Amino acid sequence: MGITAIVGTGEGSRRLHDGDTVTLSCCEGEQGRVYAGALPFHLEEQSLAALPLPRTRILMNVGHPEEAFRLAAIPCDGVGLARLEFILANQIRVHPLALLHPARLPQHDQAAIAALIQGYAAPAEYYVDKLAQGMGRIAAAIHPRPVLLRFSDFKSNEYARLLGGSSFEPKEQNPMLGWRGAARYTSPACALECRALHRVRQSMGLSNAMALVPFCRTPEEGDQVLAAMAAEGLVRGENGLKIYVMCELPSNVMCAEAFAARFDGFSIGSNDLTQLSLGLDRDSPLMADRFDKH
């Protein structure tokens, strides 16, 4: 919303009172500060036209499609990572397989889904349309600069939290290392994401929308993903389509040449690459102090 905010103060509700005048600052690093009174400040404006361009291309990360048009005003060469998980959790809210197989759901889930998909001829069309709208908004805001749309990388426990998800997701001992990423992309649910991207590129005419494949364990798994995408009309090289892969497993580094022969480039996922190099679960609070990317 563009409003300065500091969260997790610990004692803000005790130290501050209704009617107090304070100054909030979020420009001094990762830790926000609250000052008593209305402090004066000086604003300097810099003409972007006078700034020299760096030799390195600068790409942004975008999470929420609602932010896309505001972020597009920032000088950049495109979007290097647009996560679809925000669209799935906030706009769609339904597990893809729950839309493909609604009869397998309990009655209360079926009723909740029916309320969400009113106006759509088929449940799956709701998923494709909502996802295409989110993808298209980001691609339109950044056009003609490239946008790398990363296919969903929810883990099974995260997918289970979507409406109807508990009926389709396995209960894994360690979802971080389980059924996630490219391993899912030969399932029918992946086809819905491919159809959404195809609609953005073909029907909406936003050919700057590119694909980014997460958590691809082996080159052979990459071949399976590319084949599944091609079956839905997303063929690498056609109409300028580029398909990238995340570099977030040690196998991506060790087999870099094999992956490079199949994909157009890499996006480094430092969180997963760190945890898999160190052999620790970054979701575990017991190991958080040892999670060091350096």
C-alpha atoms as a PDB file:
ATOM      1  CA  MET A   1       0.000   0.000   0.000  1.00  0.00           C
ATOM      2  CA  GLY A   2       3.035   2.265   0.007  1.00  0.00           C
ATOM      3  CA  ILE A   3       2.662   3.083   3.728  1.00  0.00           C
ATOM      4  CA  THR A   4       5.752   3.012   5.927  1.00  0.00           C
ATOM      5  CA  ALA A   5       5.381   0.115   8.380  1.00  0.00           C
ATOM      6  CA  ILE A   6       7.525  -1.620  10.970  1.00  0.00           C
ATOM      7  CA  VAL A   7       6.486  -5.071  12.176  1.00  0.00           C
ATOM      8  CA  GLY A   8       7.654  -7.229  15.046  1.00  0.00           C
ATOM      9  CA  THR A   9       8.607  -4.379  17.381  1.00  0.00           C
ATOM     10  CA  GLY A  10       7.972  -6.506  20.456  1.00  0.00           C
ATOM     11  CA  GLU A  11       6.902  -3.572  22.618  1.00  0.00           C
ATOM     12  CA  GLY A  12       5.388  -1.070  20.189  1.00  0.00           C
ATOM     13  CA  SER A  13       1.846  -1.484  21.522  1.00  0.00           C
ATOM     14  CA  ARG A  14       3.086  -0.629  25.033  1.00  0.00           C
ATOM     15  CA  ARG A  15       5.457   2.199  24.171  1.00  0.00           C
ATOM     16  CA  LEU A  16       3.140   4.002  21.726  1.00  0.00           C
ATOM     17  CA  HIS A  17      -0.265   5.491  22.524  1.00  0.00           C
ATOM     18  CA  ASP A  18      -3.146   6.828  20.452  1.00  0.00           C
ATOM     19  CA  GLY A  19      -2.443  10.407  19.417  1.00  0.00           C
ATOM     20  CA  ASP A  20       1.356  10.176  19.739  1.00  0.00           C
ATOM     21  CA  THR A  21       3.342  11.888  16.988  1.00  0.00           C
ATOM     22  CA  VAL A  22       6.209   9.709  15.823  1.00  0.00           C
ATOM     23  CA  THR A  23       8.502   9.399  12.831  1.00  0.00           C
ATOM     24  CA  LEU A  24       8.990   5.957  11.278  1.00  0.00           C
ATOM     25  CA  SER A  25      12.107   5.288   9.236  1.00  0.00           C
ATOM     26  CA  CYS A  26      12.643   2.219   7.088  1.00  0.00           C
ATOM     27  CA  CYS A  27      15.669   3.550   5.184  1.00  0.00           C
ATOM     28  CA  GLU A  28      18.446   2.702   7.645  1.00  0.00           C
ATOM     29  CA  GLY A  29      18.993  -0.948   6.827  1.00  0.00           C
ATOM     30  CA  GLU A  30      17.001  -4.038   7.724  1.00  0.00           C
ATOM     31  CA  GLN A  31      15.983  -2.713  11.148  1.00  0.00           C
ATOM     32  CA  GLY A  32      13.271  -0.063  11.182  1.00  0.00           C
ATOM     33  CA  ARG A  33      13.343   2.773  13.715  1.00  0.00           C
ATOM     34  CA  VAL A  34      10.670   4.785  15.508  1.00  0.00           C
ATOM     35  CA  TYR A  35      11.549   8.299  16.696  1.00  0.00           C
ATOM     36  CA  ALA A  36       9.535  10.492  19.064  1.00  0.00           C
ATOM     37  CA  GLY A  37       8.021  13.583  17.449  1.00  0.00           C
ATOM     38  CA  ALA A  38       7.936  14.771  13.861  1.00  0.00           C
ATOM     39  CA  LEU A  39      11.589  14.849  12.777  1.00  0.00           C
ATOM     40  CA  PRO A  40      12.573  17.044   9.845  1.00  0.00           C
ATOM     41  CA  PHE A  41      14.028  15.302   6.808  1.00  0.00           C
ATOM     42  CA  HIS A  42      15.691  16.316   3.565  1.00  0.00           C
ATOM     43  CA  LEU A  43      14.647  14.835   0.223  1.00  0.00           C
ATOM     44  CA  GLU A  44      17.107  14.676  -2.662  1.00  0.00           C
ATOM     45  CA  GLU A  45      15.884  13.930  -6.170  1.00  0.00           C
ATOM     46  CA  GLN A  46      18.163  12.425  -8.798  1.00  0.00           C
ATOM     47  CA  SER A  47      17.469  12.513 -12.511  1.00  0.00           C
ATOM     48  CA  LEU A  48      17.628   8.946 -13.765  1.00  0.00           C
ATOM     49  CA  ALA A  49      18.503  10.141 -17.255  1.00  0.00           C
ATOM     50  CA  ALA A  50      21.862  11.362 -15.967  1.00  0.00           C
ATOM     51  CA  LEU A  51      22.836   8.079 -14.327  1.00  0.00           C
ATOM     52  CA  PRO A  52      25.254   5.892 -16.306  1.00  0.00           C
ATOM     53  CA  LEU A  53      24.012   2.395 -17.091  1.00  0.00           C
ATOM     54  CA  PRO A  54      25.870  -0.496 -15.423  1.00  0.00           C
ATOM     55  CA  ARG A  55      27.467  -3.183 -17.574  1.00  0.00           C
ATOM     56  CA  THR A  56      25.527  -5.852 -15.666  1.00  0.00           C
ATOM     57  CA  ARG A  57      21.847  -6.228 -16.513  1.00  0.00           C
ATOM     58  CA  ILE A  58      19.676  -5.600 -13.458  1.00  0.00           C
ATOM     59  CA  LEU A  59      16.622  -7.850 -13.069  1.00  0.00           C
ATOM     60  CA  MET A  60      14.033  -7.525 -10.293  1.00  0.00           C
ATOM     61  CA  ASN A  61      12.179 -10.060  -8.169  1.00  0.00           C
ATOM     62  CA  VAL A  62       8.390  -9.680  -8.157  1.00  0.00           C
ATOM     63  CA  GLY A  63       6.023 -11.552  -5.880  1.00  0.00           C
ATOM     64  CA  HIS A  64       2.594  -9.924  -5.935  1.00  0.00           C
ATOM     65  CA  PRO A  65       1.152  -9.011  -9.353  1.00  0.00           C
ATOM     66  CA  GLU A  66      -0.481  -5.971  -7.714  1.00  0.00           C
ATOM     67  CA  GLU A  67       2.985  -4.467  -7.276  1.00  0.00           C
ATOM     68  CA  ALA A  68       4.028  -4.933 -10.894  1.00  0.00           C
ATOM     69  CA  PHE A  69       3.047  -1.552 -12.381  1.00  0.00           C
ATOM     70  CA  ARG A  70       4.613   0.345  -9.477  1.00  0.00           C
ATOM     71  CA  LEU A  71       7.824  -1.680  -9.680  1.00  0.00           C
ATOM     72  CA  ALA A  72       7.956  -1.258 -13.457  1.00  0.00           C
ATOM     73  CA  ALA A  73       8.906   2.393 -12.914  1.00  0.00           C
ATOM     74  CA  ILE A  74      12.177   1.303 -11.287  1.00  0.00           C
ATOM     75  CA  PRO A  75      15.055   1.289 -13.794  1.00  0.00           C
ATOM     76  CA  CYS A  76      15.713  -2.355 -14.635  1.00  0.00           C
ATOM     77  CA  ASP A  77      16.174  -4.749 -17.549  1.00  0.00           C
ATOM     78  CA  GLY A  78      13.239  -6.978 -16.645  1.00  0.00           C
ATOM     79  CA  VAL A  79      12.105  -9.466 -14.006  1.00  0.00           C
ATOM     80  CA  GLY A  80      14.474 -12.302 -13.197  1.00  0.00           C
ATOM     81  CA  LEU A  81      12.084 -14.089 -10.845  1.00  0.00           C
ATOM     82  CA  ALA A  82       8.303 -13.839 -10.605  1.00  0.00           C
ATOM     83  CA  ARG A  83       6.969 -16.383  -8.116  1.00  0.00           C
ATOM     84  CA  LEU A  84       3.613 -17.959  -8.916  1.00  0.00           C
ATOM     85  CA  GLU A  85       3.113 -19.121  -5.315  1.00  0.00           C
ATOM     86  CA  PHE A  86       1.647 -15.740  -4.319  1.00  0.00           C
ATOM     87  CA  ILE A  87      -0.960 -16.002  -7.080  1.00  0.00           C
ATOM     88  CA  LEU A  88      -1.843 -19.559  -6.083  1.00  0.00           C
ATOM     89  CA  ALA A  89      -2.172 -18.754  -2.379  1.00  0.00           C
ATOM     90  CA  ASN A  90      -3.916 -15.375  -2.618  1.00  0.00           C
ATOM     91  CA  GLN A  91      -5.890 -15.295  -5.872  1.00  0.00           C
ATOM     92  CA  ILE A  92      -6.622 -18.939  -6.726  1.00  0.00           C
ATOM     93  CA  ARG A  93      -6.600 -20.533  -3.251  1.00  0.00           C
ATOM     94  CA  VAL A  94      -7.615 -23.950  -4.586  1.00  0.00           C
ATOM     95  CA  HIS A  95      -5.460 -27.022  -5.193  1.00  0.00           C
ATOM     96  CA  PRO A  96      -5.256 -27.694  -8.956  1.00  0.00           C
ATOM     97  CA  LEU A  97      -6.192 -31.362  -8.627  1.00  0.00           C
ATOM     98  CA  ALA A  98      -9.227 -30.361  -6.575  1.00  0.00           C
ATOM     99  CA  LEU A  99     -10.457 -28.503  -9.648  1.00  0.00           C
ATOM    100  CA  LEU A 100      -9.666 -31.397 -11.979  1.00  0.00           C
ATOM    101  CA  HIS A 101     -11.249 -34.047  -9.713  1.00  0.00           C
ATOM    102  CA  PRO A 102     -13.864 -32.286  -7.538  1.00  0.00           C
ATOM    103  CA  ALA A 103     -15.841 -35.483  -6.996  1.00  0.00           C
ATOM    104  CA  ARG A 104     -13.019 -36.831  -4.813  1.00  0.00           C
ATOM    105  CA  LEU A 105     -13.475 -34.029  -2.267  1.00  0.00           C
ATOM    106  CA  PRO A 106     -15.630 -33.949   0.860  1.00  0.00           C
ATOM    107  CA  GLN A 107     -18.915 -32.074   0.480  1.00  0.00           C
ATOM    108  CA  HIS A 108     -17.808 -28.958   2.398  1.00  0.00           C
ATOM    109  CA  ASP A 109     -14.774 -28.518   0.111  1.00  0.00           C
ATOM    110  CA  GLN A 110     -16.942 -29.013  -2.965  1.00  0.00           C
ATOM    111  CA  ALA A 111     -19.311 -26.298  -1.747  1.00  0.00           C
ATOM    112  CA  ALA A 112     -16.469 -23.858  -1.030  1.00  0.00           C
ATOM    113  CA  ILE A 113     -14.975 -24.419  -4.477  1.00  0.00           C
ATOM    114  CA  ALA A 114     -18.351 -24.037  -6.176  1.00  0.00           C
ATOM    115  CA  ALA A 115     -18.701 -20.601  -4.586  1.00  0.00           C
ATOM    116  CA  LEU A 116     -15.265 -19.548  -5.856  1.00  0.00           C
ATOM    117  CA  ILE A 117     -15.666 -20.683  -9.460  1.00  0.00           C
ATOM    118  CA  GLN A 118     -19.068 -19.157 -10.160  1.00  0.00           C
ATOM    119  CA  GLY A 119     -19.217 -17.881 -13.722  1.00  0.00           C
ATOM    120  CA  TYR A 120     -16.663 -20.342 -15.086  1.00  0.00           C
ATOM    121  CA  ALA A 121     -17.771 -23.081 -17.491  1.00  0.00           C
ATOM    122  CA  ALA A 122     -15.320 -25.597 -15.991  1.00  0.00           C
ATOM    123  CA  PRO A 123     -13.441 -25.708 -12.666  1.00  0.00           C
ATOM    124  CA  ALA A 124     -10.033 -25.978 -14.376  1.00  0.00           C
ATOM    125  CA  GLU A 125     -10.789 -22.832 -16.406  1.00  0.00           C
ATOM    126  CA  TYR A 126     -10.975 -20.878 -13.133  1.00  0.00           C
ATOM    127  CA  TYR A 127      -7.406 -21.949 -12.312  1.00  0.00           C
ATOM    128  CA  VAL A 128      -6.024 -21.181 -15.767  1.00  0.00           C
ATOM    129  CA  ASP A 129      -7.786 -17.827 -16.027  1.00  0.00           C
ATOM    130  CA  LYS A 130      -6.771 -16.557 -12.570  1.00  0.00           C
ATOM    131  CA  LEU A 131      -3.180 -17.671 -13.067  1.00  0.00           C
ATOM    132  CA  ALA A 132      -3.010 -16.122 -16.540  1.00  0.00           C
ATOM    133  CA  GLN A 133      -4.344 -12.842 -15.162  1.00  0.00           C
ATOM    134  CA  GLY A 134      -1.588 -12.710 -12.543  1.00  0.00           C
ATOM    135  CA  MET A 135       1.121 -13.708 -15.001  1.00  0.00           C
ATOM    136  CA  GLY A 136      -0.193 -11.288 -17.612  1.00  0.00           C
ATOM    137  CA  ARG A 137      -0.266  -8.364 -15.220  1.00  0.00           C
ATOM    138  CA  ILE A 138       3.422  -8.747 -14.449  1.00  0.00           C
ATOM    139  CA  ALA A 139       4.364  -9.300 -18.096  1.00  0.00           C
ATOM    140  CA  ALA A 140       2.275  -6.315 -19.253  1.00  0.00           C
ATOM    141  CA  ALA A 141       3.778  -3.995 -16.651  1.00  0.00           C
ATOM    142  CA  ILE A 142       7.345  -4.878 -17.660  1.00  0.00           C
ATOM    143  CA  HIS A 143       6.757  -5.252 -21.430  1.00  0.00           C
ATOM    144  CA  PRO A 144       8.777  -5.434 -23.650  1.00  0.00           C
ATOM    145  CA  ARG A 145      11.447  -6.376 -21.124  1.00  0.00           C
ATOM    146  CA  PRO A 146      11.638 -10.108 -20.304  1.00  0.00           C
ATOM    147  CA  VAL A 147       9.822 -11.638 -17.350  1.00  0.00           C
ATOM    148  CA  LEU A 148      10.890 -15.024 -15.990  1.00  0.00           C
ATOM    149  CA  LEU A 149       7.787 -16.673 -14.539  1.00  0.00           C
ATOM    150  CA  ARG A 150       8.852 -19.465 -12.211  1.00  0.00           C
ATOM    151  CA  PHE A 151       6.517 -22.433 -12.146  1.00  0.00           C
ATOM    152  CA  SER A 152       5.142 -23.230  -8.695  1.00  0.00           C
ATOM    153  CA  ASP A 153       7.518 -24.706  -6.135  1.00  0.00           C
ATOM    154  CA  PHE A 154       5.180 -25.373  -3.236  1.00  0.00           C
ATOM    155  CA  LYS A 155       6.164 -28.363  -1.131  1.00  0.00           C
ATOM    156  CA  SER A 156       3.530 -31.021  -0.425  1.00  0.00           C
ATOM    157  CA  ASN A 157       2.707 -29.613   3.023  1.00  0.00           C
ATOM    158  CA  GLU A 158       2.216 -26.167   1.472  1.00  0.00           C
ATOM    159  CA  TYR A 159       0.033 -27.478  -1.347  1.00  0.00           C
ATOM    160  CA  ALA A 160      -2.034 -29.312   1.277  1.00  0.00           C
ATOM    161  CA  ARG A 161      -3.033 -25.958   2.803  1.00  0.00           C
ATOM    162  CA  LEU A 162      -4.824 -24.913  -0.385  1.00  0.00           C
ATOM    163  CA  LEU A 163      -8.546 -25.617  -0.533  1.00  0.00           C
ATOM    164  CA  GLY A 164      -8.996 -29.313  -1.248  1.00  0.00           C
ATOM    165  CA  GLY A 165      -5.267 -29.945  -1.059  1.00  0.00           C
ATOM    166  CA  SER A 166      -5.336 -32.373   1.849  1.00  0.00           C
ATOM    167  CA  SER A 167      -7.250 -34.861  -0.329  1.00  0.00           C
ATOM    168  CA  PHE A 168      -4.434 -35.073  -2.886  1.00  0.00           C
ATOM    169  CA  GLU A 169      -1.141 -34.431  -1.111  1.00  0.00           C
ATOM    170  CA  PRO A 170       0.991 -37.134   0.539  1.00  0.00           C
ATOM    171  CA  LYS A 171       2.165 -36.739   4.124  1.00  0.00           C
ATOM    172  CA  GLU A 172       5.944 -36.673   3.748  1.00  0.00           C
ATOM    173  CA  GLN A 173       8.474 -36.905   6.549  1.00  0.00           C
ATOM    174  CA  ASN A 174      10.609 -34.192   4.929  1.00  0.00           C
ATOM    175  CA  PRO A 175       8.645 -32.194   2.325  1.00  0.00           C
ATOM    176  CA  MET A 176      11.672 -29.976   1.700  1.00  0.00           C
ATOM    177  CA  LEU A 177      13.366 -32.959   0.019  1.00  0.00           C
ATOM    178  CA  GLY A 178      10.235 -34.650  -1.271  1.00  0.00           C
ATOM    179  CA  TRP A 179       7.703 -34.239  -4.066  1.00  0.00           C
ATOM    180  CA  ARG A 180       8.378 -30.707  -5.203  1.00  0.00           C
ATOM    181  CA  GLY A 181       9.618 -28.741  -8.185  1.00  0.00           C
ATOM    182  CA  ALA A 182      10.204 -30.366 -11.552  1.00  0.00           C
ATOM    183  CA  ALA A 183       9.234 -33.816 -10.233  1.00  0.00           C
ATOM    184  CA  ARG A 184       5.604 -32.644 -10.267  1.00  0.00           C
ATOM    185  CA  TYR A 185       5.574 -31.347 -13.815  1.00  0.00           C
ATOM    186  CA  THR A 186       4.549 -34.552 -15.518  1.00  0.00           C
ATOM    187  CA  SER A 187       1.286 -34.528 -13.498  1.00  0.00           C
ATOM    188  CA  PRO A 188      -1.984 -33.058 -14.857  1.00  0.00           C
ATOM    189  CA  ALA A 189      -1.640 -30.079 -12.502  1.00  0.00           C
ATOM    190  CA  CYS A 190       1.427 -28.875 -14.415  1.00  0.00           C
ATOM    191  CA  ALA A 191      -0.627 -28.755 -17.600  1.00  0.00           C
ATOM    192  CA  LEU A 192      -2.802 -26.017 -16.071  1.00  0.00           C
ATOM    193  CA  GLU A 193       0.236 -23.822 -15.404  1.00  0.00           C
ATOM    194  CA  CYS A 194       1.462 -24.420 -18.961  1.00  0.00           C
ATOM    195  CA  ARG A 195      -1.939 -23.492 -20.376  1.00  0.00           C
ATOM    196  CA  ALA A 196      -1.918 -20.269 -18.376  1.00  0.00           C
ATOM    197  CA  LEU A 197       1.522 -19.300 -19.706  1.00  0.00           C
ATOM    198  CA  HIS A 198       0.477 -20.261 -23.241  1.00  0.00           C
ATOM    199  CA  ARG A 199      -2.564 -17.982 -22.919  1.00  0.00           C
ATOM    200  CA  VAL A 200      -0.393 -15.097 -21.735  1.00  0.00           C
ATOM    201  CA  ARG A 201       2.009 -15.478 -24.651  1.00  0.00           C
ATOM    202  CA  GLN A 202      -0.477 -16.290 -27.418  1.00  0.00           C
ATOM    203  CA  SER A 203      -3.888 -14.808 -26.539  1.00  0.00           C
ATOM    204  CA  MET A 204      -2.588 -11.782 -24.633  1.00  0.00           C
ATOM    205  CA  GLY A 205       0.347 -11.285 -26.985  1.00  0.00           C
ATOM    206  CA  LEU A 206       2.851 -10.932 -24.151  1.00  0.00           C
ATOM    207  CA  SER A 207       5.717 -12.852 -25.685  1.00  0.00           C
ATOM    208  CA  ASN A 208       8.126 -11.340 -23.143  1.00  0.00           C
ATOM    209  CA  ALA A 209       6.806 -13.894 -20.629  1.00  0.00           C
ATOM    210  CA  MET A 210       9.378 -16.669 -20.255  1.00  0.00           C
ATOM    211  CA  ALA A 211       9.408 -19.871 -18.178  1.00  0.00           C
ATOM    212  CA  LEU A 212      11.618 -20.748 -15.222  1.00  0.00           C
ATOM    213  CA  VAL A 213      11.713 -24.335 -13.926  1.00  0.00           C
ATOM    214  CA  PRO A 214      12.486 -24.815 -10.214  1.00  0.00           C
ATOM    215  CA  PHE A 215      14.181 -27.651  -8.334  1.00  0.00           C
ATOM    216  CA  CYS A 216      15.185 -29.787 -11.299  1.00  0.00           C
ATOM    217  CA  ARG A 217      17.236 -32.659  -9.909  1.00  0.00           C
ATOM    218  CA  THR A 218      18.672 -34.246 -13.068  1.00  0.00           C
ATOM    219  CA  PRO A 219      19.068 -33.432 -16.775  1.00  0.00           C
ATOM    220  CA  GLU A 220      16.698 -36.319 -17.530  1.00  0.00           C
ATOM    221  CA  GLU A 221      14.071 -34.705 -15.311  1.00  0.00           C
ATOM    222  CA  GLY A 222      14.617 -31.546 -17.332  1.00  0.00           C
ATOM    223  CA  ASP A 223      13.852 -33.484 -20.511  1.00  0.00           C
ATOM    224  CA  GLN A 224      10.561 -34.662 -19.004  1.00  0.00           C
ATOM    225  CA  VAL A 225       9.579 -31.106 -18.085  1.00  0.00           C
ATOM    226  CA  LEU A 226      10.394 -29.802 -21.557  1.00  0.00           C
ATOM    227  CA  ALA A 227       8.339 -32.593 -23.115  1.00  0.00           C
ATOM    228  CA  ALA A 228       5.371 -31.845 -20.830  1.00  0.00           C
ATOM    229  CA  MET A 229       5.577 -28.152 -21.743  1.00  0.00           C
ATOM    230  CA  ALA A 230       5.813 -28.918 -25.469  1.00  0.00           C
ATOM    231  CA  ALA A 231       2.665 -31.052 -25.197  1.00  0.00           C
ATOM    232  CA  GLU A 232       0.839 -27.888 -24.078  1.00  0.00           C
ATOM    233  CA  GLY A 233       2.232 -25.771 -26.923  1.00  0.00           C
ATOM    234  CA  LEU A 234       5.221 -24.312 -25.055  1.00  0.00           C
ATOM    235  CA  VAL A 235       8.146 -25.302 -27.260  1.00  0.00           C
ATOM    236  CA  ARG A 236      11.534 -23.823 -26.474  1.00  0.00           C
ATOM    237  CA  GLY A 237      12.562 -21.417 -29.233  1.00  0.00           C
ATOM    238  CA  GLU A 238       9.115 -21.036 -30.799  1.00  0.00           C
ATOM    239  CA  ASN A 239       7.877 -17.444 -30.869  1.00  0.00           C
ATOM    240  CA  GLY A 240      10.974 -16.461 -28.911  1.00  0.00           C
ATOM    241  CA  LEU A 241      10.150 -18.642 -25.904  1.00  0.00           C
ATOM    242  CA  LYS A 242      13.100 -19.111 -23.577  1.00  0.00           C
ATOM    243  CA  ILE A 243      13.032 -21.650 -20.773  1.00  0.00           C
ATOM    244  CA  TYR A 244      15.374 -21.226 -17.825  1.00  0.00           C
ATOM    245  CA  VAL A 245      16.132 -23.501 -14.882  1.00  0.00           C
ATOM    246  CA  MET A 246      16.899 -22.765 -11.247  1.00  0.00           C
ATOM    247  CA  CYS A 247      20.406 -23.589 -10.074  1.00  0.00           C
ATOM    248  CA  GLU A 248      19.629 -24.617  -6.504  1.00  0.00           C
ATOM    249  CA  LEU A 249      20.941 -28.154  -6.134  1.00  0.00           C
ATOM    250  CA  PRO A 250      24.543 -29.374  -6.136  1.00  0.00           C
ATOM    251  CA  SER A 251      23.623 -31.553  -9.146  1.00  0.00           C
ATOM    252  CA  ASN A 252      22.788 -28.375 -11.101  1.00  0.00           C
ATOM    253  CA  VAL A 253      26.352 -27.177 -10.502  1.00  0.00           C
ATOM    254  CA  MET A 254      28.080 -30.501 -11.133  1.00  0.00           C
ATOM    255  CA  CYS A 255      26.059 -31.160 -14.302  1.00  0.00           C
ATOM    256  CA  ALA A 256      25.946 -27.527 -15.429  1.00  0.00           C
ATOM    257  CA  GLU A 257      26.936 -28.312 -19.016  1.00  0.00           C
ATOM    258  CA  ALA A 258      24.187 -30.921 -19.379  1.00  0.00           C
ATOM    259  CA  PHE A 259      21.565 -28.524 -17.999  1.00  0.00           C
ATOM    260  CA  ALA A 260      22.894 -25.682 -20.178  1.00  0.00           C
ATOM    261  CA  ALA A 261      22.369 -27.859 -23.263  1.00  0.00           C
ATOM    262  CA  ARG A 262      18.678 -28.144 -22.411  1.00  0.00           C
ATOM    263  CA  PHE A 263      17.822 -24.701 -21.045  1.00  0.00           C
ATOM    264  CA  ASP A 264      18.514 -21.101 -22.028  1.00  0.00           C
ATOM    265  CA  GLY A 265      20.060 -20.048 -18.735  1.00  0.00           C
ATOM    266  CA  PHE A 266      20.181 -20.376 -14.958  1.00  0.00           C
ATOM    267  CA  SER A 267      18.742 -18.481 -12.011  1.00  0.00           C
ATOM    268  CA  ILE A 268      20.670 -19.113  -8.811  1.00  0.00           C
ATOM    269  CA  GLY A 269      18.504 -20.131  -5.842  1.00  0.00           C
ATOM    270  CA  SER A 270      20.865 -19.464  -2.964  1.00  0.00           C
ATOM    271  CA  ASN A 271      18.540 -20.689  -0.184  1.00  0.00           C
ATOM    272  CA  ASP A 272      18.119 -24.233  -1.473  1.00  0.00           C
ATOM    273  CA  LEU A 273      21.679 -24.401  -2.792  1.00  0.00           C
ATOM    274  CA  THR A 274      22.973 -23.464   0.666  1.00  0.00           C
ATOM    275  CA  GLN A 275      20.826 -25.919   2.603  1.00  0.00           C
ATOM    276  CA  LEU A 276      21.601 -28.810   0.269  1.00  0.00           C
ATOM    277  CA  SER A 277      25.327 -28.043   0.294  1.00  0.00           C
ATOM    278  CA  LEU A 278      25.385 -27.901   4.093  1.00  0.00           C
ATOM    279  CA  GLY A 279      22.918 -30.754   4.552  1.00  0.00           C
ATOM    280  CA  LEU A 280      20.445 -28.883   6.735  1.00  0.00           C
ATOM    281  CA  ASP A 281      16.748 -28.021   6.592  1.00  0.00           C
ATOM    282  CA  ARG A 282      16.303 -24.244   6.432  1.00  0.00           C
ATOM    283  CA  ASP A 283      12.768 -24.670   7.807  1.00  0.00           C
ATOM    284  CA  SER A 284      14.110 -26.218  11.009  1.00  0.00           C
ATOM    285  CA  PRO A 285      14.407 -23.705  13.884  1.00  0.00           C
ATOM    286  CA  LEU A 286      16.979 -26.018  15.483  1.00  0.00           C
ATOM    287  CA  MET A 287      19.363 -25.465  12.563  1.00  0.00           C
ATOM    288  CA  ALA A 288      18.593 -21.860  11.630  1.00  0.00           C
ATOM    289  CA  ASP A 289      21.750 -20.481  13.271  1.00  0.00           C
ATOM    290  CA  ARG A 290      23.902 -22.656  10.982  1.00  0.00           C
ATOM    291  CA  PHE A 291      22.262 -21.525   7.762  1.00  0.00           C
ATOM    292  CA  ASP A 292      25.083 -19.366   6.383  1.00  0.00           C
ATOM    293  CA  LYS A 293      25.184 -18.539   2.655  1.00  0.00           C
ATOM    294  CA  HIS A 294      28.739 -17.213   2.978  1.00  0.00           C
END
